[in-house]
Amino acid sequence: MSSAAVSALVLAQLDAAWTLTPVRRPNADFDPGGRPFVEVAFPGADVQRGAIGDASNPLWDEAGAFMCHVFVPANTGDAVARQLADALGDLFLRWDAPLGLTIWRRLASQEGARTVQGRPWYGVSFGLTYQFHTIG
């Protein structure tokens, strides 16, 4: 799981700058009403103590990835899903992220039929790698 700090920063950026679709939040009720939507998930990160810093305020280095998922109604084609995925990836890759957080790259996408809340959707999913440095 990614740190709470990274999750909070990424979700705050999504809330502040994403206007193209509704956002499905983690562990929250959601009804997209048949409209395209996106969600971001935080599957994991590696956290280790850095080689610099004093014992009471060490540098911590977190390296991981978060997943971006784009969903469009089934049988509407893949073009809109890909366009939304490109826009979502650009939102984070072009982001002037807060000090200590760097979004490095977009990983290869996976796409295809999905089921969300028992209904058919078409989805595009990809990861974005990051590094986060903190002291303390």
C-alpha atoms as a PDB file:
ATOM      1  CA  MET A   1       0.000   0.000   0.000  1.00  0.00           C
ATOM      2  CA  SER A   2       1.216   3.495  -0.777  1.00  0.00           C
ATOM      3  CA  SER A   3       1.628   5.915   2.073  1.00  0.00           C
ATOM      4  CA  ALA A   4      -1.286   7.997   3.278  1.00  0.00           C
ATOM      5  CA  ALA A   5       0.644  11.114   2.250  1.00  0.00           C
ATOM      6  CA  VAL A   6       1.004  10.047  -1.392  1.00  0.00           C
ATOM      7  CA  SER A   7      -2.615   8.924  -1.565  1.00  0.00           C
ATOM      8  CA  ALA A   8      -3.786  12.262  -0.154  1.00  0.00           C
ATOM      9  CA  LEU A   9      -1.640  14.303  -2.573  1.00  0.00           C
ATOM     10  CA  VAL A  10      -2.749  12.348  -5.648  1.00  0.00           C
ATOM     11  CA  LEU A  11      -6.440  12.415  -4.724  1.00  0.00           C
ATOM     12  CA  ALA A  12      -6.246  16.152  -3.953  1.00  0.00           C
ATOM     13  CA  GLN A  13      -4.777  16.771  -7.415  1.00  0.00           C
ATOM     14  CA  LEU A  14      -7.526  14.667  -8.968  1.00  0.00           C
ATOM     15  CA  ASP A  15     -10.196  16.634  -7.061  1.00  0.00           C
ATOM     16  CA  ALA A  16      -8.643  19.986  -7.974  1.00  0.00           C
ATOM     17  CA  ALA A  17      -7.902  19.443 -11.655  1.00  0.00           C
ATOM     18  CA  TRP A  18     -10.010  16.603 -13.116  1.00  0.00           C
ATOM     19  CA  THR A  19     -13.249  17.859 -14.649  1.00  0.00           C
ATOM     20  CA  LEU A  20     -13.941  15.422 -17.503  1.00  0.00           C
ATOM     21  CA  THR A  21     -15.826  12.693 -15.608  1.00  0.00           C
ATOM     22  CA  PRO A  22     -17.033  11.786 -12.141  1.00  0.00           C
ATOM     23  CA  VAL A  23     -14.447  10.195  -9.853  1.00  0.00           C
ATOM     24  CA  ARG A  24     -15.144   6.987  -7.977  1.00  0.00           C
ATOM     25  CA  ARG A  25     -13.555   7.344  -4.528  1.00  0.00           C
ATOM     26  CA  PRO A  26     -12.063   4.428  -2.611  1.00  0.00           C
ATOM     27  CA  ASN A  27     -14.508   2.661  -0.298  1.00  0.00           C
ATOM     28  CA  ALA A  28     -17.423   5.001  -1.054  1.00  0.00           C
ATOM     29  CA  ASP A  29     -20.879   4.530  -2.529  1.00  0.00           C
ATOM     30  CA  PHE A  30     -20.929   5.522  -6.174  1.00  0.00           C
ATOM     31  CA  ASP A  31     -23.461   5.524  -8.989  1.00  0.00           C
ATOM     32  CA  PRO A  32     -22.023   6.687 -12.313  1.00  0.00           C
ATOM     33  CA  GLY A  33     -25.483   6.880 -13.853  1.00  0.00           C
ATOM     34  CA  GLY A  34     -24.262   5.202 -17.028  1.00  0.00           C
ATOM     35  CA  ARG A  35     -21.624   7.905 -17.631  1.00  0.00           C
ATOM     36  CA  PRO A  36     -17.867   7.379 -18.040  1.00  0.00           C
ATOM     37  CA  PHE A  37     -15.911   7.656 -14.787  1.00  0.00           C
ATOM     38  CA  VAL A  38     -12.402   7.231 -13.387  1.00  0.00           C
ATOM     39  CA  GLU A  39     -10.843   5.929 -10.214  1.00  0.00           C
ATOM     40  CA  VAL A  40      -7.341   5.845  -8.765  1.00  0.00           C
ATOM     41  CA  ALA A  41      -6.030   2.998  -6.594  1.00  0.00           C
ATOM     42  CA  PHE A  42      -2.879   2.623  -4.536  1.00  0.00           C
ATOM     43  CA  PRO A  43      -1.712  -1.013  -4.651  1.00  0.00           C
ATOM     44  CA  GLY A  44       1.776  -0.691  -3.274  1.00  0.00           C
ATOM     45  CA  ALA A  45       5.083   0.969  -2.641  1.00  0.00           C
ATOM     46  CA  ASP A  46       8.505   0.165  -1.283  1.00  0.00           C
ATOM     47  CA  VAL A  47       9.572   2.374   1.637  1.00  0.00           C
ATOM     48  CA  GLN A  48      13.124   2.418   2.888  1.00  0.00           C
ATOM     49  CA  ARG A  49      15.319   4.576   5.038  1.00  0.00           C
ATOM     50  CA  GLY A  50      17.738   6.709   3.063  1.00  0.00           C
ATOM     51  CA  ALA A  51      21.468   6.778   3.608  1.00  0.00           C
ATOM     52  CA  ILE A  52      21.454  10.441   4.679  1.00  0.00           C
ATOM     53  CA  GLY A  53      19.921  12.307   7.585  1.00  0.00           C
ATOM     54  CA  ASP A  54      20.444  12.023  11.309  1.00  0.00           C
ATOM     55  CA  ALA A  55      18.979   9.309  13.522  1.00  0.00           C
ATOM     56  CA  SER A  56      16.064  11.450  14.701  1.00  0.00           C
ATOM     57  CA  ASN A  57      15.215  12.867  11.246  1.00  0.00           C
ATOM     58  CA  PRO A  58      16.141  10.286   8.604  1.00  0.00           C
ATOM     59  CA  LEU A  59      15.339  10.580   4.929  1.00  0.00           C
ATOM     60  CA  TRP A  60      12.630   8.144   3.832  1.00  0.00           C
ATOM     61  CA  ASP A  61      12.426   7.057   0.216  1.00  0.00           C
ATOM     62  CA  GLU A  62       9.117   5.659  -1.065  1.00  0.00           C
ATOM     63  CA  ALA A  63       9.011   4.240  -4.585  1.00  0.00           C
ATOM     64  CA  GLY A  64       5.825   2.812  -6.007  1.00  0.00           C
ATOM     65  CA  ALA A  65       3.005   3.144  -8.481  1.00  0.00           C
ATOM     66  CA  PHE A  66      -0.640   4.052  -8.389  1.00  0.00           C
ATOM     67  CA  MET A  67      -3.242   2.705 -10.764  1.00  0.00           C
ATOM     68  CA  CYS A  68      -5.575   4.768 -12.915  1.00  0.00           C
ATOM     69  CA  HIS A  69      -8.769   3.179 -14.209  1.00  0.00           C
ATOM     70  CA  VAL A  70     -11.072   4.672 -16.841  1.00  0.00           C
ATOM     71  CA  PHE A  71     -14.512   3.170 -17.442  1.00  0.00           C
ATOM     72  CA  VAL A  72     -16.980   3.819 -20.255  1.00  0.00           C
ATOM     73  CA  PRO A  73     -20.328   2.089 -20.815  1.00  0.00           C
ATOM     74  CA  ALA A  74     -20.073  -1.251 -22.625  1.00  0.00           C
ATOM     75  CA  ASN A  75     -20.623  -1.231 -26.384  1.00  0.00           C
ATOM     76  CA  THR A  76     -19.658   2.428 -26.820  1.00  0.00           C
ATOM     77  CA  GLY A  77     -16.261   1.671 -28.377  1.00  0.00           C
ATOM     78  CA  ASP A  78     -12.763   2.248 -27.087  1.00  0.00           C
ATOM     79  CA  ALA A  79     -11.894   5.694 -28.474  1.00  0.00           C
ATOM     80  CA  VAL A  80     -13.441   7.695 -25.622  1.00  0.00           C
ATOM     81  CA  ALA A  81     -11.840   5.412 -23.027  1.00  0.00           C
ATOM     82  CA  ARG A  82      -8.403   5.890 -24.588  1.00  0.00           C
ATOM     83  CA  GLN A  83      -8.843   9.662 -24.855  1.00  0.00           C
ATOM     84  CA  LEU A  84      -9.844   9.872 -21.197  1.00  0.00           C
ATOM     85  CA  ALA A  85      -6.925   7.623 -20.213  1.00  0.00           C
ATOM     86  CA  ASP A  86      -4.499   9.888 -22.092  1.00  0.00           C
ATOM     87  CA  ALA A  87      -5.961  12.961 -20.399  1.00  0.00           C
ATOM     88  CA  LEU A  88      -5.782  11.341 -16.957  1.00  0.00           C
ATOM     89  CA  GLY A  89      -2.182  10.253 -17.499  1.00  0.00           C
ATOM     90  CA  ASP A  90      -1.238  13.757 -18.666  1.00  0.00           C
ATOM     91  CA  LEU A  91      -2.898  15.274 -15.601  1.00  0.00           C
ATOM     92  CA  PHE A  92      -0.334  13.547 -13.397  1.00  0.00           C
ATOM     93  CA  LEU A  93       2.696  13.439 -15.720  1.00  0.00           C
ATOM     94  CA  ARG A  94       2.507  17.206 -16.329  1.00  0.00           C
ATOM     95  CA  TRP A  95       1.656  18.012 -12.702  1.00  0.00           C
ATOM     96  CA  ASP A  96       4.006  20.327 -10.823  1.00  0.00           C
ATOM     97  CA  ALA A  97       3.734  18.022  -7.814  1.00  0.00           C
ATOM     98  CA  PRO A  98       4.530  19.158  -4.267  1.00  0.00           C
ATOM     99  CA  LEU A  99       8.136  19.073  -3.129  1.00  0.00           C
ATOM    100  CA  GLY A 100       9.297  15.515  -2.548  1.00  0.00           C
ATOM    101  CA  LEU A 101       6.893  13.820  -4.988  1.00  0.00           C
ATOM    102  CA  THR A 102       7.904  12.957  -8.541  1.00  0.00           C
ATOM    103  CA  ILE A 103       5.683  11.121 -11.024  1.00  0.00           C
ATOM    104  CA  TRP A 104       8.091   9.296 -13.332  1.00  0.00           C
ATOM    105  CA  ARG A 105       6.270   7.452 -16.081  1.00  0.00           C
ATOM    106  CA  ARG A 106       3.090   5.893 -17.383  1.00  0.00           C
ATOM    107  CA  LEU A 107       3.193   2.118 -17.600  1.00  0.00           C
ATOM    108  CA  ALA A 108       1.624   0.114 -20.423  1.00  0.00           C
ATOM    109  CA  SER A 109      -2.171   0.054 -20.439  1.00  0.00           C
ATOM    110  CA  GLN A 110      -4.471  -2.915 -20.188  1.00  0.00           C
ATOM    111  CA  GLU A 111      -7.936  -2.601 -21.630  1.00  0.00           C
ATOM    112  CA  GLY A 112     -11.040  -4.632 -22.181  1.00  0.00           C
ATOM    113  CA  ALA A 113     -14.398  -5.670 -20.791  1.00  0.00           C
ATOM    114  CA  ARG A 114     -14.938  -5.009 -17.060  1.00  0.00           C
ATOM    115  CA  THR A 115     -17.736  -5.532 -14.578  1.00  0.00           C
ATOM    116  CA  VAL A 116     -18.463  -2.776 -12.073  1.00  0.00           C
ATOM    117  CA  GLN A 117     -21.237  -3.210  -9.518  1.00  0.00           C
ATOM    118  CA  GLY A 118     -22.612  -6.092 -11.573  1.00  0.00           C
ATOM    119  CA  ARG A 119     -22.862  -4.100 -14.816  1.00  0.00           C
ATOM    120  CA  PRO A 120     -20.729  -4.372 -17.971  1.00  0.00           C
ATOM    121  CA  TRP A 121     -18.206  -1.611 -18.751  1.00  0.00           C
ATOM    122  CA  TYR A 122     -15.185  -1.148 -20.987  1.00  0.00           C
ATOM    123  CA  GLY A 123     -12.047  -0.099 -19.173  1.00  0.00           C
ATOM    124  CA  VAL A 124      -8.530   1.156 -19.683  1.00  0.00           C
ATOM    125  CA  SER A 125      -6.113   0.791 -16.758  1.00  0.00           C
ATOM    126  CA  PHE A 126      -2.504   1.913 -16.384  1.00  0.00           C
ATOM    127  CA  GLY A 127      -0.001   2.618 -13.660  1.00  0.00           C
ATOM    128  CA  LEU A 128       2.010   5.726 -12.922  1.00  0.00           C
ATOM    129  CA  THR A 129       5.311   5.257 -11.118  1.00  0.00           C
ATOM    130  CA  TYR A 130       6.396   7.712  -8.459  1.00  0.00           C
ATOM    131  CA  GLN A 131       9.051   8.491  -5.896  1.00  0.00           C
ATOM    132  CA  PHE A 132       8.355  10.344  -2.661  1.00  0.00           C
ATOM    133  CA  HIS A 133      10.984  11.648  -0.247  1.00  0.00           C
ATOM    134  CA  THR A 134      10.218  12.783   3.279  1.00  0.00           C
ATOM    135  CA  ILE A 135      12.308  13.599   6.330  1.00  0.00           C
ATOM    136  CA  GLY A 136      11.399  12.557   9.815  1.00  0.00           C
END
